Protein backbone atom coordinates (compact mmCIF):
# COMPACT_ATOMS: atom_id res chain seq x y z
CA MET A 1 125.12 107.46 87.63
CA PRO A 2 123.27 104.82 90.02
CA GLU A 3 120.50 102.77 88.19
CA LEU A 4 117.09 103.78 89.18
CA ILE A 5 115.44 101.15 91.17
CA TYR A 6 112.11 99.53 90.08
CA LYS A 7 112.19 102.07 87.32
CA ASP A 8 109.54 100.10 85.43
CA GLU A 9 107.22 99.86 87.57
CA SER A 10 107.42 103.49 88.48
CA TYR A 11 107.31 104.24 85.35
CA ALA A 12 103.72 102.26 84.73
CA ILE A 13 102.40 104.06 88.07
CA MET A 14 103.25 107.34 87.39
CA GLY A 15 101.68 106.64 83.79
CA ALA A 16 98.48 105.72 85.42
CA CYS A 17 98.64 108.83 87.57
CA PHE A 18 99.41 111.30 84.71
CA GLU A 19 96.46 109.59 82.97
CA VAL A 20 93.83 110.18 86.01
CA TYR A 21 95.39 113.96 85.86
CA LYS A 22 94.51 114.81 82.54
CA GLU A 23 91.10 113.05 82.86
CA LYS A 24 89.85 114.45 86.16
CA GLY A 25 92.29 117.45 86.75
CA CYS A 26 93.06 119.12 89.79
CA GLY A 27 90.37 120.46 91.41
CA PHE A 28 88.98 117.53 93.69
CA ASN A 29 89.66 116.34 97.39
CA GLU A 30 92.53 113.83 97.51
CA ALA A 31 89.96 111.11 98.20
CA VAL A 32 88.45 112.10 94.71
CA PHE A 33 91.83 111.03 93.42
CA GLN A 34 92.45 108.03 95.25
CA GLU A 35 89.61 106.41 93.55
CA CYS A 36 90.56 107.25 90.50
CA LEU A 37 93.96 106.14 90.45
CA GLU A 38 92.53 102.46 92.09
CA ILE A 39 90.51 102.07 88.77
CA GLU A 40 93.13 103.20 86.46
CA LEU A 41 95.64 101.05 87.97
CA GLU A 42 93.39 98.16 87.65
CA MET A 43 92.09 98.87 84.40
CA ARG A 44 96.39 98.97 83.73
CA GLY A 45 96.56 95.61 85.67
CA ILE A 46 99.37 96.86 88.06
CA PRO A 47 98.86 94.88 90.92
CA PHE A 48 98.27 97.32 94.40
CA LYS A 49 96.39 97.50 97.58
CA ALA A 50 94.93 100.60 98.84
CA GLN A 51 94.95 102.20 102.41
CA VAL A 52 97.14 99.52 103.57
CA GLU A 53 97.39 99.96 107.66
CA MET A 54 101.49 99.39 108.12
CA PRO A 55 102.53 98.20 111.77
CA LEU A 56 104.70 100.83 113.70
CA SER A 57 107.05 100.32 116.40
CA TYR A 58 109.26 102.10 119.17
CA LYS A 59 112.59 101.18 120.41
CA GLY A 60 111.68 96.72 119.25
CA ARG A 61 107.96 97.20 120.52
CA ALA A 62 105.07 97.22 118.83
CA LEU A 63 102.39 100.67 118.81
CA LYS A 64 98.79 99.98 118.78
CA SER A 65 98.82 103.52 116.41
CA LYS A 66 99.50 102.12 112.90
CA PHE A 67 100.19 104.40 109.77
CA LYS A 68 97.80 103.94 106.39
CA ALA A 69 99.81 104.08 103.08
CA ASP A 70 97.25 105.69 100.38
CA VAL A 71 98.55 102.82 98.02
CA ILE A 72 101.03 100.09 97.52
CA CYS A 73 101.61 99.18 94.13
CA TYR A 74 103.97 95.73 93.60
CA GLU A 75 104.14 95.23 96.86
CA LYS A 76 107.29 97.54 97.11
CA ILE A 77 106.34 100.79 96.41
CA ILE A 78 104.59 103.05 98.58
CA VAL A 79 102.70 105.94 96.13
CA GLU A 80 101.33 108.46 98.74
CA LEU A 81 98.39 110.65 96.96
CA LYS A 82 98.17 114.30 97.95
CA ALA A 83 95.86 117.28 96.51
CA VAL A 84 97.46 120.06 97.53
CA SER A 85 98.40 123.29 95.68
CA ALA A 86 102.54 122.45 96.30
CA LEU A 87 104.43 119.99 98.15
CA VAL A 88 106.13 120.64 101.31
CA ASP A 89 109.39 119.16 103.45
CA GLU A 90 106.23 117.30 105.28
CA HIS A 91 105.15 115.37 103.08
CA ARG A 92 108.70 114.57 101.79
CA ALA A 93 109.38 113.85 105.60
CA GLN A 94 106.08 112.10 106.03
CA VAL A 95 107.04 109.43 102.57
CA LEU A 96 110.72 109.05 104.03
CA ASN A 97 109.00 107.67 107.01
CA TYR A 98 106.50 105.64 105.32
CA LEU A 99 109.47 104.37 103.96
CA ASN A 100 111.39 103.90 107.26
CA ALA A 101 109.13 102.59 109.17
CA SER A 102 108.10 99.69 106.26
CA GLY A 103 111.21 98.24 104.93
CA LEU A 104 109.92 99.57 101.60
CA GLU A 105 112.74 101.23 99.33
CA LEU A 106 110.87 103.41 97.09
CA GLY A 107 108.25 106.52 97.79
CA LEU A 108 106.14 108.22 95.52
CA LEU A 109 104.78 111.19 96.04
CA VAL A 110 101.94 112.85 93.77
CA ASN A 111 100.20 116.13 94.04
CA PHE A 112 97.21 115.96 92.14
CA GLY A 113 96.39 119.20 93.43
CA HIS A 114 98.65 121.47 91.61
CA TYR A 115 98.22 123.32 89.08
CA PRO A 116 99.14 123.04 85.58
CA LYS A 117 100.32 120.37 85.75
CA LEU A 118 101.14 117.07 88.57
CA GLU A 119 103.64 117.39 90.60
CA HIS A 120 105.34 114.22 92.10
CA GLU A 121 108.87 113.40 93.78
CA ARG A 122 110.55 109.81 93.67
CA PHE A 123 112.32 108.69 97.01
CA ALA A 124 114.31 105.84 97.43
CA LEU A 125 115.43 105.15 101.13
CA THR A 126 119.38 104.74 100.78
CA GLU A 127 121.54 104.67 103.48
CA LYS A 128 122.06 108.30 102.93
CA SER A 129 118.45 109.06 103.57
CA PHE A 130 118.32 106.87 106.24
CA ARG A 131 121.11 108.88 107.93
CA ALA A 132 119.74 112.29 107.68
CA LEU A 133 116.32 111.30 108.34
CA SER A 134 117.86 109.98 111.40
CA ARG A 135 119.36 112.94 112.32
CA ALA A 136 116.37 114.72 111.77
CA SER A 137 114.29 112.94 114.49
CA ARG A 138 117.02 113.28 116.73
CA ALA A 139 116.92 117.34 116.09
CA GLU A 140 113.46 117.20 116.78
CA GLN A 141 113.69 115.37 120.33
CA PHE A 142 115.58 118.71 121.78
CA GLU A 143 113.35 121.07 120.53
CA LEU A 144 110.90 122.86 123.05
């Protein structure tokens, strides 16, 4: 089994997420959890930037549109926050697209809206996941 990338860093981030969930529960909107997580990350000394605008391109040309990552930790891990009853494939695709667009390798999808426990998934942008994402994008181009 291959070694997990950024294992220690992602463990520290998830520890902060678990603490926020333990303290706040699941009944608030995403903005509340975003603010709480920022406080927790700061208290734990985890380097992060919040609401980071990331550039997008199309066929080598920069777009005016950008995407905004909820949190980037250690300058290498995207943390996408949700406050919904359950994660769905669109949330997963969002994280994979953010990884692809940013060139970062690891994304954590964290759902504070799930009960009775925090829901989370880990995404590593490997060659296999990149190819699958590319195939899905091409298939969507031809759907009417």
